[in-house]
Amino acid sequence: MYSVIDIETTGLNRYKDNITFIGVELHKDLESNKKKVYIFDWGLKYDRKSFKALCKRLKENKVKTVFQNGKFDTLFIEVKTGIKLPISEDVMLMGTAYDLAAEHGLKKMAQTYLGVTDWDIKNKEKLSGNKETVVPYLKCDLKYTWKLFVFFQERLTPQQDKVYKKLLMPAYKMYRSVERTGIYMDEEGFRTVQKKYKDLETEKLNKLKAKYDINWNSTAQKADALFNKDKEALPILKVTPKGAPSADASVCKRLAASGYEIPQLLLEYSAANTLNKMFLNRWGEDAAFDGRLHPSFNLTNVISGRTSCNNPNLQQVPRTKDVRGIFTAPKGRVFFEADYSQLELRIAAHYANEPTMLRIYAEGGDIHTETARVMTGGREPTKEERGKAKAVNFGFLYGMLAKKFVDYAYDSYGQVFTRAEAEAYRNAFFAKYARLLPWHKEQEELCEALGGVPNMFGRFRKLPNIYSEDRYERLSAVRRAINTPVQGTGSDILLSAAIEVQKTLGPEGLTIVGTVHDSILGEMPESEADWMVKEIHRIMAHPKLLDDFGVELKVALEADVGVGPWGTH
């Protein structure tokens, strides 16, 4: 027996908002057309009691639950009722396994795969709790969640089903635990850092106002102050699509590097303003419920197969020690970050079968240092020179041209290259790692043959623009054919490790509190840290799921595990 469950709420925050209705649709099996539909009005005490009684019966009879984005529904229900519903099946994940590049929202999938018309209602009506409009809408959600479940059950290939059951579903449940736990925030440290950057923003804005009393957040007014010949009359380095002088961050960086005062002030003001607006101004309120932030992690909305995060986005928290250091662990526990070392470069070395890269890793070497030696003529590089090599490696790995690289290196790494240097280093890079360019061509040809590319876990990304007559569209598809398998495989390796770390060490007291790109964030009992760190190293070196999916890397995986507040190690 199956139970399709969906909820309607007054908002997306399970701590602040409320449930309005819960719908349950019962099916005996996949073939039967008979169903029972229950709608529980959460404003009625009797309905709340009836829903809890139904949940008890479903559990006793081992009825499988079917959701669309069940992580959201089950966490909301848990906070409001204390009931921890299992997620047996989730059509959002099934849709992701079926077609990585498609949209995975319920309405869009139902329109695409079932051919139904959109039944959506205005957001204001959804949040209102109005029975006349919300209940018919809720019934449609239940109906098409079930129909999509049946559709995917019939059509998922064995490989897609394996991705769904062995990778996506375990990762999804792991993230449900992560979101339930949240990441602990040092309240006193937060207040200190919050005041620091609020004062800094005010200080920089006052200095800018002293120069020109304008709205420094206005793109037009900012550009006028910088480039108007009657004001600062600074050199125009770039124009907007409409032909106006651009004062974006990359322009300000270059002007500041040339010694101009106002662009430097603008960068400092903008950094503090963005940090406050995106993070610090909201973290206090976000953590008010239990002293922890509870971000949402998403497996289904990045078409390369990578994860994303929102509300708030931990993956965009600046690498500023005092800001990241706010996140730690409560007394008796310690925070840890387990970060894969050069994961993307290692996977690219495997895909390209690049002998020099493979040799460097086999000997325990460092690609950034080796590339830097090329740039220094063989001399042991300085820390600064290794930093420049890092930009070279990540810039040219997927074939970036020298002209674009000059801006990329400066904007992403703060490294200055002339066009001539970029050309020379690009040539030297592909001479040293000579299998990379042939691999790029092989990926292009593979994409042409298949209409897309798989990663090592068998996840396939469709790239129809590979057949486009538009040169830009085709080149964009080629770039994705090269970087998607690497980045998607890296993400799946991290997920495999996080699933196993939680499964193995969770019963011993370890909790994962987030993932950021190639790293796992978590906390563990202080008294158990020594042996747990060793276990994390062991698991990340070879997660068991690699064997299940037949992933055999030509390079060793290595991870660094730092213990202490985030960003301080």
Protein backbone atom coordinates (compact mmCIF):
# COMPACT_ATOMS: atom_id res chain seq x y z
CA MET A 1 0.00 0.00 0.00
CA TYR A 2 1.11 3.54 -0.73
CA SER A 3 0.22 6.88 0.87
CA VAL A 4 0.78 10.11 -1.07
CA ILE A 5 1.22 12.99 1.38
CA ASP A 6 1.33 16.73 0.74
CA ILE A 7 0.91 19.81 2.90
CA GLU A 8 -0.11 23.42 2.44
CA THR A 9 1.34 26.10 4.71
CA THR A 10 1.25 29.83 5.39
CA GLY A 11 4.95 30.10 4.40
CA LEU A 12 8.20 28.22 3.92
CA ASN A 13 9.67 28.57 7.43
CA ARG A 14 8.70 25.56 9.52
CA TYR A 15 9.52 27.40 12.76
CA LYS A 16 7.54 30.57 12.07
CA ASP A 17 4.80 29.54 9.66
CA ASN A 18 1.91 27.13 10.08
CA ILE A 19 0.29 24.19 8.32
CA THR A 20 -3.13 24.94 6.84
CA PHE A 21 -4.09 21.57 5.28
CA ILE A 22 -2.59 18.10 4.99
CA GLY A 23 -3.68 15.81 2.19
CA VAL A 24 -3.27 12.02 2.14
CA GLU A 25 -4.16 9.81 -0.83
CA LEU A 26 -4.10 6.04 -0.25
CA HIS A 27 -3.47 3.47 -3.01
CA LYS A 28 -3.56 -0.30 -2.61
CA ASP A 29 -0.95 -0.90 -5.33
CA LEU A 30 0.44 0.54 -8.57
CA GLU A 31 -2.20 -1.09 -10.77
CA SER A 32 -5.38 -0.31 -8.85
CA ASN A 33 -7.37 2.81 -9.77
CA LYS A 34 -9.11 2.84 -6.40
CA LYS A 35 -8.00 5.44 -3.92
CA LYS A 36 -9.03 7.12 -0.70
CA VAL A 37 -8.41 10.82 -0.18
CA TYR A 38 -8.23 12.48 3.23
CA ILE A 39 -7.98 16.24 3.70
CA PHE A 40 -7.13 17.41 7.22
CA ASP A 41 -7.87 21.01 8.18
CA TRP A 42 -5.05 21.87 10.57
CA GLY A 43 -7.12 24.59 12.17
CA LEU A 44 -9.50 21.97 13.55
CA LYS A 45 -8.51 20.03 16.66
CA TYR A 46 -10.44 16.96 15.51
CA ASP A 47 -8.59 16.87 12.17
CA ARG A 48 -5.22 17.18 13.86
CA LYS A 49 -6.12 14.23 16.09
CA SER A 50 -7.39 12.23 13.10
CA PHE A 51 -4.17 12.85 11.12
CA LYS A 52 -2.03 11.60 13.99
CA ALA A 53 -4.19 8.49 14.27
CA LEU A 54 -3.85 7.86 10.51
CA CYS A 55 -0.06 8.23 10.71
CA LYS A 56 0.00 5.61 13.45
CA ARG A 57 -2.00 3.19 11.27
CA LEU A 58 0.24 3.82 8.27
CA LYS A 59 3.29 3.04 10.36
CA GLU A 60 1.79 -0.12 11.85
CA ASN A 61 0.82 -1.38 8.38
CA LYS A 62 4.22 -0.41 6.90
CA VAL A 63 2.56 1.71 4.22
CA LYS A 64 5.07 3.31 1.83
CA THR A 65 5.00 7.11 1.69
CA VAL A 66 5.23 9.01 -1.61
CA PHE A 67 6.15 12.71 -1.72
CA GLN A 68 7.14 15.53 -4.01
CA ASN A 69 9.96 17.23 -2.08
CA GLY A 70 9.27 15.18 1.04
CA LYS A 71 12.16 16.73 2.95
CA PHE A 72 10.19 19.96 3.18
CA ASP A 73 6.88 18.29 4.11
CA THR A 74 8.26 15.83 6.67
CA LEU A 75 10.40 18.41 8.49
CA PHE A 76 7.45 20.82 8.65
CA ILE A 77 5.20 18.06 10.00
CA GLU A 78 7.85 17.00 12.51
CA VAL A 79 8.24 20.52 13.93
CA LYS A 80 4.49 21.08 14.19
CA THR A 81 3.40 17.62 15.37
CA GLY A 82 6.45 15.72 16.58
CA ILE A 83 5.67 12.97 14.04
CA LYS A 84 8.69 11.77 12.06
CA LEU A 85 7.30 10.46 8.81
CA PRO A 86 9.56 8.30 6.61
CA ILE A 87 10.21 9.16 2.96
CA SER A 88 9.83 5.94 1.00
CA GLU A 89 9.64 7.51 -2.46
CA ASP A 90 10.02 11.04 -3.84
CA VAL A 91 9.04 11.94 -7.40
CA MET A 92 11.27 15.03 -7.41
CA LEU A 93 14.29 12.75 -7.02
CA MET A 94 12.89 10.27 -9.53
CA GLY A 95 12.55 13.11 -12.03
CA THR A 96 16.14 14.14 -11.37
CA ALA A 97 17.37 10.62 -12.04
CA TYR A 98 15.20 10.43 -15.17
CA ASP A 99 16.40 13.71 -16.71
CA LEU A 100 19.05 15.73 -14.90
CA ALA A 101 18.67 18.77 -17.17
CA ALA A 102 14.87 19.07 -16.90
CA GLU A 103 12.86 21.07 -14.37
CA HIS A 104 11.78 18.97 -11.40
CA GLY A 105 8.89 20.96 -9.97
CA LEU A 106 5.61 19.04 -9.70
CA LYS A 107 3.63 21.22 -12.11
CA LYS A 108 6.34 21.30 -14.76
CA MET A 109 6.92 17.55 -14.63
CA ALA A 110 3.18 16.84 -14.77
CA GLN A 111 2.80 19.09 -17.82
CA THR A 112 5.86 17.58 -19.54
CA TYR A 113 5.34 13.88 -18.78
CA LEU A 114 1.58 13.58 -18.21
CA GLY A 115 0.36 16.23 -20.64
CA VAL A 116 -1.91 17.94 -18.09
CA THR A 117 -2.71 21.63 -17.90
CA ASP A 118 -1.27 23.74 -15.11
CA TRP A 119 -3.48 23.77 -11.98
CA ASP A 120 -1.40 26.27 -10.04
CA ILE A 121 -3.05 29.07 -8.08
CA LYS A 122 -1.64 32.43 -6.99
CA ASN A 123 0.82 32.30 -4.12
CA LYS A 124 -1.35 34.65 -2.09
CA GLU A 125 -4.22 32.15 -2.32
CA LYS A 126 -1.97 29.21 -1.35
CA LEU A 127 -0.80 30.97 1.79
CA SER A 128 -4.27 32.22 2.73
CA GLY A 129 -5.60 28.91 4.01
CA ASN A 130 -8.88 29.54 2.14
CA LYS A 131 -10.51 26.12 1.95
CA GLU A 132 -12.44 26.87 -1.26
CA THR A 133 -9.27 27.46 -3.28
CA VAL A 134 -6.55 25.57 -1.42
CA VAL A 135 -8.23 22.16 -1.05
CA PRO A 136 -8.94 21.61 -4.80
CA TYR A 137 -5.36 22.67 -5.47
CA LEU A 138 -4.06 20.27 -2.82
CA LYS A 139 -6.07 17.40 -4.30
CA CYS A 140 -4.46 18.03 -7.69
CA ASP A 141 -1.02 17.96 -6.06
CA LEU A 142 -1.81 14.56 -4.56
CA LYS A 143 -3.30 13.22 -7.80
CA TYR A 144 -0.36 14.16 -10.00
CA THR A 145 2.28 13.21 -7.47
CA TRP A 146 0.87 9.69 -7.64
CA LYS A 147 0.58 9.69 -11.44
CA LEU A 148 4.20 10.84 -11.76
CA PHE A 149 5.29 8.14 -9.34
CA VAL A 150 3.61 5.50 -11.53
CA PHE A 151 5.11 7.12 -14.66
CA PHE A 152 8.66 7.00 -13.31
CA GLN A 153 8.25 3.49 -11.90
CA GLU A 154 7.51 2.32 -15.42
CA ARG A 155 10.16 4.32 -17.24
CA LEU A 156 13.30 4.64 -15.12
CA THR A 157 16.07 2.57 -16.67
CA PRO A 158 18.00 0.21 -14.37
CA GLN A 159 20.86 2.74 -14.22
CA GLN A 160 18.52 5.64 -13.45
CA ASP A 161 16.78 3.56 -10.79
CA LYS A 162 20.16 2.77 -9.25
CA VAL A 163 21.08 6.48 -9.15
CA TYR A 164 17.71 7.22 -7.55
CA LYS A 165 17.77 4.48 -4.91
CA LYS A 166 21.46 4.21 -4.03
CA LEU A 167 22.65 7.80 -4.39
CA LEU A 168 19.91 10.42 -4.51
CA MET A 169 17.54 8.98 -1.91
CA PRO A 170 20.24 8.26 0.71
CA ALA A 171 21.74 11.71 0.11
CA TYR A 172 18.30 13.31 0.40
CA LYS A 173 17.65 11.59 3.72
CA MET A 174 21.12 12.59 4.90
CA TYR A 175 20.31 16.23 4.09
CA ARG A 176 16.98 15.93 5.91
CA SER A 177 18.99 15.03 9.01
CA VAL A 178 21.38 17.92 8.31
CA GLU A 179 18.52 20.40 8.03
CA ARG A 180 16.88 19.04 11.16
CA THR A 181 20.11 19.43 13.16
CA GLY A 182 21.27 22.81 11.83
CA ILE A 183 24.67 24.44 12.24
CA TYR A 184 25.52 25.80 15.70
CA MET A 185 26.30 29.51 15.96
CA ASP A 186 28.37 31.18 18.69
CA GLU A 187 25.93 33.92 19.69
CA GLU A 188 28.48 36.13 21.45
CA GLY A 189 30.94 35.80 18.56
CA PHE A 190 28.14 36.54 16.11
CA ARG A 191 27.20 39.79 17.90
CA THR A 192 30.83 40.92 17.89
CA VAL A 193 31.29 40.19 14.18
CA GLN A 194 27.91 41.66 13.31
CA LYS A 195 28.81 44.96 15.03
CA LYS A 196 32.24 45.01 13.38
CA TYR A 197 30.88 44.81 9.85
CA LYS A 198 27.92 47.10 10.52
CA ASP A 199 30.36 49.74 11.80
CA LEU A 200 32.65 49.10 8.84
CA GLU A 201 29.82 49.56 6.36
CA THR A 202 28.81 52.84 8.03
CA GLU A 203 32.39 54.09 8.11
CA LYS A 204 33.02 53.40 4.41
CA LEU A 205 29.66 54.85 3.36
CA ASN A 206 30.34 58.04 5.35
CA LYS A 207 33.68 58.44 3.57
CA LEU A 208 31.99 57.98 0.20
CA LYS A 209 29.24 60.45 1.16
CA ALA A 210 31.91 62.96 2.10
CA LYS A 211 33.19 62.74 -1.47
CA TYR A 212 29.76 62.91 -3.15
CA ASP A 213 26.43 62.93 -1.33
CA ILE A 214 24.68 60.46 -3.63
CA ASN A 215 23.08 57.03 -3.40
CA TRP A 216 26.19 54.84 -3.63
CA ASN A 217 24.01 51.77 -4.17
CA SER A 218 22.67 53.27 -7.41
CA THR A 219 24.52 51.94 -10.44
CA ALA A 220 23.87 55.11 -12.47
CA GLN A 221 24.80 57.58 -9.70
CA LYS A 222 27.94 55.61 -8.84
CA ALA A 223 29.08 55.57 -12.48
CA ASP A 224 28.37 59.28 -12.83
CA ALA A 225 30.56 60.08 -9.82
CA LEU A 226 33.43 57.99 -11.11
CA PHE A 227 33.43 58.82 -14.82
CA ASN A 228 31.77 62.22 -15.30
CA LYS A 229 34.42 64.62 -16.59
CA ASP A 230 33.20 67.24 -14.10
CA LYS A 231 33.66 64.81 -11.18
CA GLU A 232 36.34 62.09 -10.82
CA ALA A 233 36.81 61.61 -14.59
CA LEU A 234 38.36 58.16 -14.10
CA PRO A 235 39.31 56.08 -17.14
CA ILE A 236 36.44 54.07 -18.62
CA LEU A 237 37.50 50.42 -18.72
CA LYS A 238 34.21 48.79 -19.71
CA VAL A 239 30.74 49.76 -20.87
CA THR A 240 27.32 48.25 -20.16
CA PRO A 241 25.22 46.60 -22.92
CA LYS A 242 23.54 50.00 -23.34
CA GLY A 243 26.89 51.73 -23.83
CA ALA A 244 27.12 53.49 -20.47
CA PRO A 245 30.38 53.40 -18.44
CA SER A 246 30.42 50.35 -16.16
CA ALA A 247 31.28 50.65 -12.47
CA ASP A 248 30.94 46.96 -11.63
CA ALA A 249 33.18 45.14 -9.16
CA SER A 250 35.74 44.05 -11.76
CA VAL A 251 36.15 47.65 -12.96
CA CYS A 252 36.49 48.95 -9.41
CA LYS A 253 39.13 46.30 -8.66
CA ARG A 254 41.25 47.44 -11.57
CA LEU A 255 40.84 51.13 -10.78
CA ALA A 256 41.68 50.49 -7.12
CA ALA A 257 44.79 48.57 -8.17
CA SER A 258 45.83 51.66 -10.14
CA GLY A 259 45.74 53.71 -6.94
CA TYR A 260 42.37 55.47 -7.20
CA GLU A 261 40.86 56.09 -3.76
CA ILE A 262 37.10 56.07 -4.40
CA PRO A 263 37.00 52.69 -6.20
CA GLN A 264 38.91 51.19 -3.27
CA LEU A 265 36.40 52.69 -0.83
CA LEU A 266 33.58 51.38 -3.00
CA LEU A 267 34.98 47.84 -2.91
CA GLU A 268 35.33 47.97 0.88
CA TYR A 269 31.84 49.41 1.32
CA SER A 270 30.29 46.93 -1.10
CA ALA A 271 31.97 43.95 0.59
CA ALA A 272 30.66 44.99 4.03
CA ASN A 273 27.22 45.89 2.65
CA THR A 274 26.86 42.54 0.85
CA LEU A 275 28.07 40.58 3.86
CA ASN A 276 25.60 42.35 6.12
CA LYS A 277 22.67 42.19 3.70
CA MET A 278 23.07 38.56 2.62
CA PHE A 279 24.22 37.04 5.90
CA LEU A 280 24.82 38.91 9.15
CA ASN A 281 21.61 40.96 9.18
CA ARG A 282 19.50 37.80 9.09
CA TRP A 283 21.50 35.14 10.91
CA GLY A 284 20.45 36.29 14.37
CA GLU A 285 16.78 35.96 13.53
CA ASP A 286 17.33 32.72 11.61
CA ALA A 287 18.99 31.13 14.63
CA ALA A 288 16.47 32.46 17.15
CA PHE A 289 14.60 29.15 17.47
CA ASP A 290 17.44 26.99 18.82
CA GLY A 291 20.72 28.85 18.32
CA ARG A 292 21.34 27.13 14.98
CA LEU A 293 20.88 28.01 11.33
CA HIS A 294 18.87 25.51 9.30
CA PRO A 295 19.77 25.97 5.61
CA SER A 296 18.08 23.99 2.84
CA PHE A 297 20.25 21.76 0.65
CA ASN A 298 19.09 20.93 -2.83
CA LEU A 299 19.93 17.93 -5.02
CA THR A 300 17.62 18.62 -7.92
CA ASN A 301 18.04 22.16 -9.23
CA VAL A 302 21.64 22.30 -10.54
CA ILE A 303 21.84 20.67 -13.95
CA SER A 304 25.51 19.74 -13.63
CA GLY A 305 24.46 17.42 -10.77
CA ARG A 306 26.06 19.55 -8.06
CA THR A 307 24.23 20.51 -4.87
CA SER A 308 23.02 23.98 -3.97
CA CYS A 309 22.02 25.64 -0.71
CA ASN A 310 19.66 28.45 0.32
CA ASN A 311 17.97 30.14 3.25
CA PRO A 312 20.78 30.92 4.02
CA ASN A 313 23.34 29.85 1.43
CA LEU A 314 26.27 28.38 3.39
CA GLN A 315 28.12 27.76 0.13
CA GLN A 316 28.50 31.51 -0.43
CA VAL A 317 29.70 32.50 3.04
CA PRO A 318 32.95 34.45 2.42
CA ARG A 319 36.24 32.78 3.39
CA THR A 320 36.71 35.40 6.10
CA LYS A 321 38.00 33.77 9.28
CA ASP A 322 36.02 35.85 11.74
CA VAL A 323 32.76 35.37 9.81
CA ARG A 324 33.13 31.62 9.26
CA GLY A 325 34.49 31.26 12.80
CA ILE A 326 31.02 32.14 14.11
CA PHE A 327 30.06 28.55 13.32
CA THR A 328 31.35 26.07 15.86
CA ALA A 329 29.99 23.40 18.20
CA PRO A 330 28.36 23.54 21.65
CA LYS A 331 30.24 22.64 24.83
CA GLY A 332 31.55 19.09 24.89
CA ARG A 333 31.56 18.85 21.10
CA VAL A 334 33.94 20.05 18.39
CA PHE A 335 33.32 21.36 14.89
CA PHE A 336 35.11 19.80 11.91
CA GLU A 337 35.55 20.45 8.20
CA ALA A 338 36.60 17.52 6.01
CA ASP A 339 37.76 18.91 2.68
CA TYR A 340 38.73 16.90 -0.39
CA SER A 341 42.16 17.95 -1.70
CA GLN A 342 42.13 19.14 -5.34
CA LEU A 343 39.16 16.90 -6.11
CA GLU A 344 38.29 18.52 -9.44
CA LEU A 345 41.87 18.32 -10.72
CA ARG A 346 42.17 14.67 -9.66
CA ILE A 347 38.96 13.71 -11.46
CA ALA A 348 40.04 15.62 -14.58
CA ALA A 349 43.39 13.79 -14.49
CA HIS A 350 41.47 10.51 -14.44
CA TYR A 351 39.11 11.45 -17.27
CA ALA A 352 41.91 12.76 -19.49
CA ASN A 353 44.24 9.92 -18.51
CA GLU A 354 46.81 12.71 -18.32
CA PRO A 355 50.17 11.00 -17.52
CA THR A 356 51.92 13.98 -15.92
CA MET A 357 49.02 14.77 -13.61
CA LEU A 358 48.60 11.10 -12.74
CA ARG A 359 52.32 10.78 -11.95
CA ILE A 360 52.28 13.90 -9.73
CA TYR A 361 49.38 12.55 -7.70
CA ALA A 362 50.81 9.02 -7.56
CA GLU A 363 53.99 10.49 -6.05
CA GLY A 364 52.02 12.51 -3.50
CA GLY A 365 52.81 15.76 -5.29
CA ASP A 366 50.87 18.99 -5.72
CA ILE A 367 49.64 20.14 -9.14
CA HIS A 368 49.68 23.82 -8.15
CA THR A 369 53.34 23.63 -7.15
CA GLU A 370 54.26 21.70 -10.30
CA THR A 371 52.51 24.23 -12.53
CA ALA A 372 54.21 27.05 -10.67
CA ARG A 373 57.60 25.46 -11.42
CA VAL A 374 56.79 25.72 -15.11
CA MET A 375 56.05 29.41 -14.63
CA THR A 376 59.31 29.99 -12.73
CA GLY A 377 61.52 28.05 -15.11
CA GLY A 378 61.97 25.16 -12.69
CA ARG A 379 62.76 27.18 -9.58
CA GLU A 380 60.95 26.30 -6.33
CA PRO A 381 57.97 28.68 -6.31
CA THR A 382 57.02 31.15 -3.61
CA LYS A 383 53.57 31.12 -1.98
CA GLU A 384 52.53 33.99 -4.26
CA GLU A 385 53.72 32.11 -7.34
CA ARG A 386 51.81 29.00 -6.27
CA GLY A 387 48.71 31.21 -5.94
CA LYS A 388 49.15 32.35 -9.53
CA ALA A 389 49.53 28.73 -10.62
CA LYS A 390 46.22 27.89 -8.93
CA ALA A 391 44.51 30.42 -11.20
CA VAL A 392 46.29 28.90 -14.20
CA ASN A 393 45.21 25.36 -13.33
CA PHE A 394 41.55 26.09 -12.75
CA GLY A 395 41.37 28.64 -15.55
CA PHE A 396 42.81 26.48 -18.31
CA LEU A 397 41.66 23.04 -17.11
CA TYR A 398 38.53 23.23 -19.27
CA GLY A 399 40.15 25.13 -22.14
CA MET A 400 39.59 28.81 -21.28
CA LEU A 401 41.17 31.20 -23.79
CA ALA A 402 43.91 33.63 -22.74
CA LYS A 403 41.80 36.77 -23.26
CA LYS A 404 39.08 35.62 -20.86
CA PHE A 405 41.65 34.20 -18.46
CA VAL A 406 43.16 37.64 -17.75
CA ASP A 407 39.83 38.81 -16.26
CA TYR A 408 39.07 35.44 -14.64
CA ALA A 409 42.41 35.32 -12.80
CA TYR A 410 42.02 38.85 -11.48
CA ASP A 411 38.34 38.63 -10.54
CA SER A 412 38.50 35.14 -8.99
CA TYR A 413 42.00 35.04 -7.51
CA GLY A 414 43.24 38.64 -7.47
CA GLN A 415 46.12 37.59 -9.72
CA VAL A 416 47.42 39.94 -12.41
CA PHE A 417 48.41 38.55 -15.80
CA THR A 418 49.14 40.46 -18.99
CA ARG A 419 47.59 39.14 -22.18
CA ALA A 420 51.06 38.02 -23.34
CA GLU A 421 51.68 36.20 -20.03
CA ALA A 422 48.28 34.51 -20.27
CA GLU A 423 49.07 33.28 -23.79
CA ALA A 424 52.49 32.01 -22.72
CA TYR A 425 51.20 30.26 -19.60
CA ARG A 426 48.31 28.71 -21.52
CA ASN A 427 50.71 27.24 -24.06
CA ALA A 428 53.03 26.03 -21.27
CA PHE A 429 50.10 24.52 -19.35
CA PHE A 430 48.90 22.43 -22.29
CA ALA A 431 52.46 21.46 -23.17
CA LYS A 432 53.03 20.11 -19.66
CA TYR A 433 49.61 18.42 -19.41
CA ALA A 434 49.47 17.33 -23.04
CA ARG A 435 46.49 14.95 -22.78
CA LEU A 436 44.04 17.65 -21.71
CA LEU A 437 43.31 19.16 -25.13
CA PRO A 438 42.83 15.75 -26.81
CA TRP A 439 40.46 14.87 -23.94
CA HIS A 440 38.49 18.07 -24.61
CA LYS A 441 38.05 16.98 -28.23
CA GLU A 442 37.02 13.48 -27.17
CA GLN A 443 34.33 14.93 -24.89
CA GLU A 444 33.04 17.07 -27.73
CA GLU A 445 32.80 14.03 -29.99
CA LEU A 446 31.14 11.96 -27.25
CA CYS A 447 28.59 14.70 -26.69
CA GLU A 448 27.85 14.83 -30.43
CA ALA A 449 27.34 11.08 -30.52
CA LEU A 450 25.12 10.85 -27.43
CA GLY A 451 23.45 14.25 -27.31
CA GLY A 452 24.98 14.81 -23.88
CA VAL A 453 27.50 13.35 -21.45
CA PRO A 454 27.44 10.96 -18.45
CA ASN A 455 29.47 11.22 -15.28
CA MET A 456 31.17 8.26 -13.59
CA PHE A 457 28.03 7.40 -11.63
CA GLY A 458 26.01 7.10 -14.85
CA ARG A 459 24.17 10.38 -14.41
CA PHE A 460 23.48 11.79 -17.89
CA ARG A 461 23.19 15.47 -18.79
CA LYS A 462 21.47 16.23 -22.08
CA LEU A 463 23.20 18.97 -24.12
CA PRO A 464 21.03 19.52 -27.22
CA ASN A 465 22.89 22.71 -28.14
CA ILE A 466 25.79 20.57 -29.31
CA TYR A 467 23.80 20.39 -32.57
CA SER A 468 23.11 24.13 -32.72
CA GLU A 469 24.16 26.11 -35.78
CA ASP A 470 24.79 29.08 -33.48
CA ARG A 471 28.53 29.01 -32.76
CA TYR A 472 28.16 30.47 -29.25
CA GLU A 473 25.50 27.93 -28.25
CA ARG A 474 27.56 25.04 -29.58
CA LEU A 475 30.75 26.19 -27.83
CA SER A 476 28.78 26.56 -24.60
CA ALA A 477 27.61 22.94 -24.95
CA VAL A 478 31.18 21.81 -25.60
CA ARG A 479 32.40 23.52 -22.41
CA ARG A 480 29.66 21.81 -20.44
CA ALA A 481 30.51 18.47 -22.02
CA ILE A 482 33.99 18.88 -20.56
CA ASN A 483 33.25 20.26 -17.10
CA THR A 484 29.95 18.53 -16.24
CA PRO A 485 31.37 15.00 -15.88
CA VAL A 486 34.18 16.31 -13.66
CA GLN A 487 32.07 18.55 -11.44
CA GLY A 488 29.14 16.13 -11.32
CA THR A 489 31.39 13.21 -10.42
CA GLY A 490 33.08 15.30 -7.73
CA SER A 491 29.71 16.16 -6.22
CA ASP A 492 28.60 12.52 -6.27
CA ILE A 493 31.83 11.43 -4.60
CA LEU A 494 31.27 13.99 -1.85
CA LEU A 495 27.67 12.81 -1.42
CA SER A 496 28.87 9.19 -1.24
CA ALA A 497 31.34 10.13 1.50
CA ALA A 498 28.81 12.20 3.46
CA ILE A 499 26.22 9.40 3.34
CA GLU A 500 28.76 6.91 4.68
CA VAL A 501 30.20 9.23 7.33
CA GLN A 502 26.73 9.82 8.71
CA LYS A 503 25.75 6.14 8.55
CA THR A 504 28.99 4.93 10.14
CA LEU A 505 29.64 7.61 12.75
CA GLY A 506 26.15 9.01 13.34
CA PRO A 507 25.30 6.30 15.90
CA GLU A 508 28.52 7.24 17.74
CA GLY A 509 27.47 10.88 18.12
CA LEU A 510 28.76 12.57 14.97
CA THR A 511 26.34 14.86 13.13
CA ILE A 512 26.81 16.42 9.70
CA VAL A 513 25.65 20.03 9.64
CA GLY A 514 26.30 20.91 6.00
CA THR A 515 28.34 20.46 2.85
CA VAL A 516 30.17 23.21 0.99
CA HIS A 517 31.47 22.35 -2.48
CA ASP A 518 34.11 19.64 -1.82
CA SER A 519 33.85 19.57 1.98
CA ILE A 520 31.72 18.10 4.75
CA LEU A 521 30.92 20.21 7.83
CA GLY A 522 29.94 18.58 11.09
CA GLU A 523 30.40 18.24 14.82
CA MET A 524 31.35 15.34 17.07
CA PRO A 525 31.94 14.58 20.76
CA GLU A 526 35.24 16.16 21.81
CA SER A 527 36.24 12.96 23.61
CA GLU A 528 35.82 10.92 20.39
CA ALA A 529 37.51 13.32 17.98
CA ASP A 530 40.83 11.50 17.49
CA TRP A 531 39.45 8.20 16.23
CA MET A 532 36.55 9.81 14.39
CA VAL A 533 38.92 12.01 12.37
CA LYS A 534 40.81 8.88 11.31
CA GLU A 535 37.54 7.23 10.29
CA ILE A 536 36.52 10.28 8.26
CA HIS A 537 39.88 10.12 6.45
CA ARG A 538 39.36 6.43 5.74
CA ILE A 539 35.83 6.83 4.42
CA MET A 540 36.62 9.83 2.22
CA ALA A 541 39.60 8.02 0.67
CA HIS A 542 37.22 5.43 -0.79
CA PRO A 543 33.48 5.69 -0.12
CA LYS A 544 31.76 2.32 -0.58
CA LEU A 545 29.33 3.72 -3.15
CA LEU A 546 32.21 4.01 -5.61
CA ASP A 547 32.33 0.22 -5.72
CA ASP A 548 28.54 -0.04 -6.08
CA PHE A 549 28.69 2.22 -9.15
CA GLY A 550 31.85 0.69 -10.56
CA VAL A 551 33.88 3.88 -10.14
CA GLU A 552 37.58 3.04 -10.33
CA LEU A 553 39.74 6.16 -10.17
CA LYS A 554 43.29 6.25 -11.49
CA VAL A 555 44.17 8.70 -8.71
CA ALA A 556 43.98 8.45 -4.93
CA LEU A 557 41.44 10.60 -3.10
CA GLU A 558 42.78 12.65 -0.21
CA ALA A 559 40.99 14.77 2.36
CA ASP A 560 42.13 17.26 4.98
CA VAL A 561 40.15 17.17 8.24
CA GLY A 562 40.41 20.28 10.39
CA VAL A 563 38.96 20.46 13.90
CA GLY A 564 37.85 23.73 15.47
CA PRO A 565 35.54 26.63 14.48
CA TRP A 566 34.88 26.82 10.74
CA GLY A 567 37.56 28.61 8.76
CA THR A 568 40.14 28.67 11.55
CA HIS A 569 42.18 25.65 10.43
